PDB file of N, CA and C in Angstrom:
ATOM      1  N   UNK A   1     115.796  91.112 110.464  1.00  0.00           N
ATOM      2  CA  UNK A   1     114.650  91.959 111.003  1.00  0.00           C
ATOM      3  C   UNK A   1     114.701  92.829 109.506  1.00  0.00           C
ATOM      4  N   UNK A   2     113.136  93.354 108.876  1.00  0.00           N
ATOM      5  CA  UNK A   2     113.127  94.158 107.594  1.00  0.00           C
ATOM      6  C   UNK A   2     113.960  95.643 107.739  1.00  0.00           C
ATOM      7  N   UNK A   3     114.049  95.748 106.526  1.00  0.00           N
ATOM      8  CA  UNK A   3     114.577  97.263 106.854  1.00  0.00           C
ATOM      9  C   UNK A   3     113.164  98.136 106.417  1.00  0.00           C
ATOM     10  N   UNK A   4     112.992  99.176 107.089  1.00  0.00           N
ATOM     11  CA  UNK A   4     112.363 100.489 107.165  1.00  0.00           C
ATOM     12  C   UNK A   4     112.841 101.418 106.607  1.00  0.00           C
ATOM     13  N   UNK A   5     112.577 102.256 105.725  1.00  0.00           N
ATOM     14  CA  UNK A   5     112.711 103.436 105.147  1.00  0.00           C
ATOM     15  C   UNK A   5     111.875 104.348 105.405  1.00  0.00           C
ATOM     16  N   UNK A   6     111.748 105.593 105.737  1.00  0.00           N
ATOM     17  CA  UNK A   6     110.760 106.472 105.662  1.00  0.00           C
ATOM     18  C   UNK A   6     111.193 107.695 104.969  1.00  0.00           C
ATOM     19  N   UNK A   7     110.399 108.854 103.966  1.00  0.00           N
ATOM     20  CA  UNK A   7     110.588 109.742 103.564  1.00  0.00           C
ATOM     21  C   UNK A   7     109.685 111.047 104.726  1.00  0.00           C
ATOM     22  N   UNK A   8     110.597 111.613 105.552  1.00  0.00           N
ATOM     23  CA  UNK A   8     110.271 112.578 106.505  1.00  0.00           C
ATOM     24  C   UNK A   8     109.834 113.975 105.922  1.00  0.00           C
ATOM     25  N   UNK A   9     109.329 114.813 105.374  1.00  0.00           N
ATOM     26  CA  UNK A   9     108.940 116.328 104.791  1.00  0.00           C
ATOM     27  C   UNK A   9     108.133 117.057 105.929  1.00  0.00           C
ATOM     28  N   UNK A  10     108.999 118.345 105.898  1.00  0.00           N
ATOM     29  CA  UNK A  10     108.949 119.023 107.358  1.00  0.00           C
ATOM     30  C   UNK A  10     108.828 120.315 106.540  1.00  0.00           C
ATOM     31  N   UNK A  11     107.521 121.309 106.919  1.00  0.00           N
ATOM     32  CA  UNK A  11     107.811 122.780 106.427  1.00  0.00           C
ATOM     33  C   UNK A  11     107.007 123.534 106.752  1.00  0.00           C
ATOM     34  N   UNK A  12     107.668 125.010 106.282  1.00  0.00           N
ATOM     35  CA  UNK A  12     107.394 125.883 107.241  1.00  0.00           C
ATOM     36  C   UNK A  12     106.343 126.674 106.232  1.00  0.00           C
ATOM     37  N   UNK A  13     105.597 125.975 105.113  1.00  0.00           N
ATOM     38  CA  UNK A  13     104.778 126.713 103.962  1.00  0.00           C
ATOM     39  C   UNK A  13     103.852 126.467 104.342  1.00  0.00           C
ATOM     40  N   UNK A  14     102.850 127.470 103.812  1.00  0.00           N
ATOM     41  CA  UNK A  14     101.234 126.678 104.214  1.00  0.00           C
ATOM     42  C   UNK A  14     100.808 126.217 102.643  1.00  0.00           C
ATOM     43  N   UNK A  15     101.318 126.282 102.178  1.00  0.00           N
ATOM     44  CA  UNK A  15     100.935 125.642 100.420  1.00  0.00           C
ATOM     45  C   UNK A  15     101.837 125.471  99.719  1.00  0.00           C
ATOM     46  N   UNK A  16     101.956 124.566  98.658  1.00  0.00           N
ATOM     47  CA  UNK A  16     102.506 124.190  98.222  1.00  0.00           C
ATOM     48  C   UNK A  16     102.693 125.522  96.817  1.00  0.00           C
ATOM     49  N   UNK A  17     103.892 125.147  95.932  1.00  0.00           N
ATOM     50  CA  UNK A  17     104.044 126.204  94.746  1.00  0.00           C
ATOM     51  C   UNK A  17     104.888 127.521  94.878  1.00  0.00           C
ATOM     52  N   UNK A  18     105.921 127.208  96.110  1.00  0.00           N
ATOM     53  CA  UNK A  18     106.315 128.792  96.094  1.00  0.00           C
ATOM     54  C   UNK A  18     106.025 129.767  97.073  1.00  0.00           C
ATOM     55  N   UNK A  19     104.853 128.892  98.037  1.00  0.00           N
ATOM     56  CA  UNK A  19     104.930 130.306  98.762  1.00  0.00           C
ATOM     57  C   UNK A  19     105.685 131.006  99.844  1.00  0.00           C
ATOM     58  N   UNK A  20     105.298 132.005 100.738  1.00  0.00           N
ATOM     59  CA  UNK A  20     106.594 132.350 101.372  1.00  0.00           C
ATOM     60  C   UNK A  20     106.582 131.333 102.673  1.00  0.00           C
ATOM     61  N   UNK A  21     107.808 131.663 103.822  1.00  0.00           N
ATOM     62  CA  UNK A  21     107.484 130.849 104.977  1.00  0.00           C
ATOM     63  C   UNK A  21     106.986 131.388 105.765  1.00  0.00           C
ATOM     64  N   UNK A  22     106.519 130.845 107.111  1.00  0.00           N
ATOM     65  CA  UNK A  22     105.496 131.245 108.141  1.00  0.00           C
ATOM     66  C   UNK A  22     106.286 132.442 108.184  1.00  0.00           C
ATOM     67  N   UNK A  23     105.328 133.016 108.968  1.00  0.00           N
ATOM     68  CA  UNK A  23     105.785 134.464 109.392  1.00  0.00           C
ATOM     69  C   UNK A  23     106.371 134.176 110.613  1.00  0.00           C
ATOM     70  N   UNK A  24     107.114 134.970 111.082  1.00  0.00           N
ATOM     71  CA  UNK A  24     108.012 135.085 112.459  1.00  0.00           C
ATOM     72  C   UNK A  24     107.047 134.896 113.896  1.00  0.00           C
ATOM     73  N   UNK A  25     106.046 135.759 113.620  1.00  0.00           N
ATOM     74  CA  UNK A  25     105.317 135.726 114.573  1.00  0.00           C
ATOM     75  C   UNK A  25     103.865 134.592 114.792  1.00  0.00           C
ATOM     76  N   UNK A  26     104.040 133.927 113.275  1.00  0.00           N
ATOM     77  CA  UNK A  26     102.872 132.657 113.383  1.00  0.00           C
ATOM     78  C   UNK A  26     103.294 131.417 113.659  1.00  0.00           C
ATOM     79  N   UNK A  27     102.591 130.404 113.979  1.00  0.00           N
ATOM     80  CA  UNK A  27     102.804 128.959 113.898  1.00  0.00           C
ATOM     81  C   UNK A  27     103.509 128.705 112.731  1.00  0.00           C
ATOM     82  N   UNK A  28     104.690 127.776 113.454  1.00  0.00           N
ATOM     83  CA  UNK A  28     105.738 127.455 112.283  1.00  0.00           C
ATOM     84  C   UNK A  28     106.615 126.243 113.296  1.00  0.00           C
ATOM     85  N   UNK A  29     107.183 125.784 112.411  1.00  0.00           N
ATOM     86  CA  UNK A  29     108.263 124.389 112.927  1.00  0.00           C
ATOM     87  C   UNK A  29     109.256 125.231 113.161  1.00  0.00           C
ATOM     88  N   UNK A  30     109.829 124.927 114.870  1.00  0.00           N
ATOM     89  CA  UNK A  30     111.502 125.349 114.543  1.00  0.00           C
ATOM     90  C   UNK A  30     112.556 124.315 114.827  1.00  0.00           C
ATOM     91  N   UNK A  31     112.140 123.027 115.151  1.00  0.00           N
ATOM     92  CA  UNK A  31     112.937 122.122 114.984  1.00  0.00           C
ATOM     93  C   UNK A  31     112.442 120.598 114.949  1.00  0.00           C
ATOM     94  N   UNK A  32     113.093 119.872 114.808  1.00  0.00           N
ATOM     95  CA  UNK A  32     112.694 117.996 115.145  1.00  0.00           C
ATOM     96  C   UNK A  32     113.929 117.488 115.370  1.00  0.00           C
ATOM     97  N   UNK A  33     113.334 116.393 116.434  1.00  0.00           N
ATOM     98  CA  UNK A  33     114.443 115.413 117.277  1.00  0.00           C
ATOM     99  C   UNK A  33     113.988 114.144 116.421  1.00  0.00           C
ATOM    100  N   UNK A  34     115.395 113.567 115.269  1.00  0.00           N
ATOM    101  CA  UNK A  34     114.542 111.919 115.131  1.00  0.00           C
ATOM    102  C   UNK A  34     115.555 111.078 115.541  1.00  0.00           C
ATOM    103  N   UNK A  35     115.112 110.576 116.489  1.00  0.00           N
ATOM    104  CA  UNK A  35     115.795 108.944 116.969  1.00  0.00           C
ATOM    105  C   UNK A  35     116.102 107.520 115.848  1.00  0.00           C
ATOM    106  N   UNK A  36     117.323 107.816 115.677  1.00  0.00           N
ATOM    107  CA  UNK A  36     116.987 106.581 115.020  1.00  0.00           C
ATOM    108  C   UNK A  36     117.180 105.327 115.822  1.00  0.00           C
ATOM    109  N   UNK A  37     116.990 103.575 115.036  1.00  0.00           N
ATOM    110  CA  UNK A  37     116.593 103.021 116.033  1.00  0.00           C
ATOM    111  C   UNK A  37     118.030 102.270 116.219  1.00  0.00           C
ATOM    112  N   UNK A  38     119.110 102.493 115.818  1.00  0.00           N
ATOM    113  CA  UNK A  38     120.207 101.569 115.490  1.00  0.00           C
ATOM    114  C   UNK A  38     121.228 103.084 115.731  1.00  0.00           C
ATOM    115  N   UNK A  39     122.042 102.931 117.212  1.00  0.00           N
ATOM    116  CA  UNK A  39     122.594 104.211 117.243  1.00  0.00           C
ATOM    117  C   UNK A  39     123.779 104.138 116.081  1.00  0.00           C
ATOM    118  N   UNK A  40     124.299 103.056 115.334  1.00  0.00           N
ATOM    119  CA  UNK A  40     125.392 102.970 114.530  1.00  0.00           C
ATOM    120  C   UNK A  40     125.178 103.366 113.229  1.00  0.00           C
ATOM    121  N   UNK A  41     123.789 103.889 113.145  1.00  0.00           N
ATOM    122  CA  UNK A  41     123.365 104.537 111.900  1.00  0.00           C
ATOM    123  C   UNK A  41     123.701 105.893 111.916  1.00  0.00           C
ATOM    124  N   UNK A  42     123.864 106.626 112.916  1.00  0.00           N
ATOM    125  CA  UNK A  42     123.889 107.939 113.148  1.00  0.00           C
ATOM    126  C   UNK A  42     125.560 108.207 112.259  1.00  0.00           C
ATOM    127  N   UNK A  43     126.391 107.309 112.485  1.00  0.00           N
ATOM    128  CA  UNK A  43     127.776 107.650 111.785  1.00  0.00           C
ATOM    129  C   UNK A  43     127.255 107.481 110.135  1.00  0.00           C
ATOM    130  N   UNK A  44     126.969 106.769 109.815  1.00  0.00           N
ATOM    131  CA  UNK A  44     126.365 106.528 108.756  1.00  0.00           C
ATOM    132  C   UNK A  44     125.728 107.811 107.652  1.00  0.00           C
ATOM    133  N   UNK A  45     125.093 108.039 108.040  1.00  0.00           N
ATOM    134  CA  UNK A  45     123.975 109.269 108.088  1.00  0.00           C
ATOM    135  C   UNK A  45     124.775 110.490 107.870  1.00  0.00           C
ATOM    136  N   UNK A  46     125.809 110.765 108.802  1.00  0.00           N
ATOM    137  CA  UNK A  46     126.292 111.902 109.093  1.00  0.00           C
ATOM    138  C   UNK A  46     127.440 112.104 107.676  1.00  0.00           C
ATOM    139  N   UNK A  47     128.383 110.567 107.225  1.00  0.00           N
ATOM    140  CA  UNK A  47     128.743 110.219 106.263  1.00  0.00           C
ATOM    141  C   UNK A  47     128.126 110.820 104.843  1.00  0.00           C
ATOM    142  N   UNK A  48     126.676 110.285 105.120  1.00  0.00           N
ATOM    143  CA  UNK A  48     126.124 110.209 103.511  1.00  0.00           C
ATOM    144  C   UNK A  48     125.664 111.544 103.516  1.00  0.00           C
ATOM    145  N   UNK A  49     125.469 112.990 104.663  1.00  0.00           N
ATOM    146  CA  UNK A  49     125.337 114.302 104.461  1.00  0.00           C
ATOM    147  C   UNK A  49     126.244 114.752 104.325  1.00  0.00           C
ATOM    148  N   UNK A  50     127.738 114.295 104.514  1.00  0.00           N
ATOM    149  CA  UNK A  50     129.435 114.900 104.632  1.00  0.00           C
ATOM    150  C   UNK A  50     129.398 114.990 102.798  1.00  0.00           C
ATOM    151  N   UNK A  51     128.796 113.575 102.472  1.00  0.00           N
ATOM    152  CA  UNK A  51     129.328 113.446 100.938  1.00  0.00           C
ATOM    153  C   UNK A  51     128.753 114.349 100.035  1.00  0.00           C
ATOM    154  N   UNK A  52     127.271 115.156 100.750  1.00  0.00           N
ATOM    155  CA  UNK A  52     126.783 116.074  99.396  1.00  0.00           C
ATOM    156  C   UNK A  52     127.267 117.343  99.787  1.00  0.00           C
ATOM    157  N   UNK A  53     128.503 117.223 100.545  1.00  0.00           N
ATOM    158  CA  UNK A  53     128.313 118.914 100.961  1.00  0.00           C
ATOM    159  C   UNK A  53     127.949 119.508 101.837  1.00  0.00           C
ATOM    160  N   UNK A  54     126.645 118.753 102.422  1.00  0.00           N
ATOM    161  CA  UNK A  54     125.713 119.959 103.191  1.00  0.00           C
ATOM    162  C   UNK A  54     125.951 120.199 104.358  1.00  0.00           C
ATOM    163  N   UNK A  55     126.002 121.387 105.028  1.00  0.00           N
ATOM    164  CA  UNK A  55     126.733 121.930 106.165  1.00  0.00           C
ATOM    165  C   UNK A  55     125.906 120.956 107.194  1.00  0.00           C
ATOM    166  N   UNK A  56     126.743 120.710 108.397  1.00  0.00           N
ATOM    167  CA  UNK A  56     125.766 119.962 109.368  1.00  0.00           C
ATOM    168  C   UNK A  56     127.264 120.027 110.623  1.00  0.00           C
ATOM    169  N   UNK A  57     126.667 119.467 111.410  1.00  0.00           N
ATOM    170  CA  UNK A  57     127.872 119.941 112.876  1.00  0.00           C
ATOM    171  C   UNK A  57     127.103 118.126 113.260  1.00  0.00           C
ATOM    172  N   UNK A  58     128.655 117.184 114.116  1.00  0.00           N
ATOM    173  CA  UNK A  58     127.977 115.936 113.932  1.00  0.00           C
ATOM    174  C   UNK A  58     129.101 115.913 115.876  1.00  0.00           C
ATOM    175  N   UNK A  59     128.332 115.405 116.690  1.00  0.00           N
ATOM    176  CA  UNK A  59     129.128 115.219 118.088  1.00  0.00           C
ATOM    177  C   UNK A  59     129.001 113.834 118.156  1.00  0.00           C
ATOM    178  N   UNK A  60     129.386 113.264 119.395  1.00  0.00           N
ATOM    179  CA  UNK A  60     129.326 111.797 119.641  1.00  0.00           C
ATOM    180  C   UNK A  60     127.664 111.131 119.629  1.00  0.00           C
ATOM    181  N   UNK A  61     126.980 111.718 120.015  1.00  0.00           N
ATOM    182  CA  UNK A  61     125.256 111.212 120.155  1.00  0.00           C
ATOM    183  C   UNK A  61     124.707 112.148 119.221  1.00  0.00           C
ATOM    184  N   UNK A  62     124.893 113.213 118.433  1.00  0.00           N
ATOM    185  CA  UNK A  62     123.777 113.923 117.510  1.00  0.00           C
ATOM    186  C   UNK A  62     124.339 114.080 116.272  1.00  0.00           C
ATOM    187  N   UNK A  63     123.483 114.393 115.249  1.00  0.00           N
ATOM    188  CA  UNK A  63     123.901 115.085 114.294  1.00  0.00           C
ATOM    189  C   UNK A  63     122.958 115.762 113.770  1.00  0.00           C
ATOM    190  N   UNK A  64     123.414 117.154 113.585  1.00  0.00           N
ATOM    191  CA  UNK A  64     122.498 118.655 113.486  1.00  0.00           C
ATOM    192  C   UNK A  64     122.550 118.791 111.889  1.00  0.00           C
ATOM    193  N   UNK A  65     121.447 119.160 111.558  1.00  0.00           N
ATOM    194  CA  UNK A  65     121.430 119.735 110.044  1.00  0.00           C
ATOM    195  C   UNK A  65     120.378 120.715 110.200  1.00  0.00           C
ATOM    196  N   UNK A  66     120.693 122.026 109.324  1.00  0.00           N
ATOM    197  CA  UNK A  66     119.494 123.221 108.823  1.00  0.00           C
ATOM    198  C   UNK A  66     118.800 122.560 107.506  1.00  0.00           C
ATOM    199  N   UNK A  67     117.556 122.674 107.615  1.00  0.00           N
ATOM    200  CA  UNK A  67     116.998 122.423 106.671  1.00  0.00           C
ATOM    201  C   UNK A  67     116.778 123.748 105.343  1.00  0.00           C
ATOM    202  N   UNK A  68     116.419 123.489 104.272  1.00  0.00           N
ATOM    203  CA  UNK A  68     116.224 124.467 103.355  1.00  0.00           C
ATOM    204  C   UNK A  68     115.361 125.737 103.589  1.00  0.00           C
ATOM    205  N   UNK A  69     114.505 125.402 104.713  1.00  0.00           N
ATOM    206  CA  UNK A  69     113.758 126.486 105.617  1.00  0.00           C
ATOM    207  C   UNK A  69     113.963 126.962 106.818  1.00  0.00           C
ATOM    208  N   UNK A  70     115.615 126.677 107.121  1.00  0.00           N
ATOM    209  CA  UNK A  70     116.332 126.756 108.555  1.00  0.00           C
ATOM    210  C   UNK A  70     115.588 126.242 109.591  1.00  0.00           C
ATOM    211  N   UNK A  71     115.012 125.288 109.238  1.00  0.00           N
ATOM    212  CA  UNK A  71     114.415 124.437 110.290  1.00  0.00           C
ATOM    213  C   UNK A  71     115.690 123.552 110.844  1.00  0.00           C
ATOM    214  N   UNK A  72     115.563 123.454 112.072  1.00  0.00           N
ATOM    215  CA  UNK A  72     116.984 122.310 112.692  1.00  0.00           C
ATOM    216  C   UNK A  72     116.252 121.070 113.131  1.00  0.00           C
ATOM    217  N   UNK A  73     117.043 120.433 112.151  1.00  0.00           N
ATOM    218  CA  UNK A  73     116.840 118.683 112.793  1.00  0.00           C
ATOM    219  C   UNK A  73     117.862 117.878 113.036  1.00  0.00           C
ATOM    220  N   UNK A  74     117.308 117.477 114.472  1.00  0.00           N
ATOM    221  CA  UNK A  74     118.782 116.780 115.143  1.00  0.00           C
ATOM    222  C   UNK A  74     118.301 115.053 114.609  1.00  0.00           C
ATOM    223  N   UNK A  75     119.501 114.562 114.903  1.00  0.00           N
ATOM    224  CA  UNK A  75     119.662 113.285 114.798  1.00  0.00           C
ATOM    225  C   UNK A  75     120.357 112.489 115.548  1.00  0.00           C
ATOM    226  N   UNK A  76     119.368 111.766 116.463  1.00  0.00           N
ATOM    227  CA  UNK A  76     120.287 110.863 117.714  1.00  0.00           C
ATOM    228  C   UNK A  76     120.019 109.844 117.880  1.00  0.00           C
TER     229      UNK A  76
END
């Protein structure tokens, strides 16, 4: 099977160039759930995140991180 890799970019910013995050009462991304096609990849992803020292939480079925905009990203 061919390997597929993708870069996803989520943002709370209305434009590039250092603009301010979306206001609390405005439309904005709060969280995203990404489902991995191979459950075995969850632990590998968690290990890569841990190697960077980035804060995260790993349970039996979910890896949770907050991106720099404080959006919650859940991988399962």
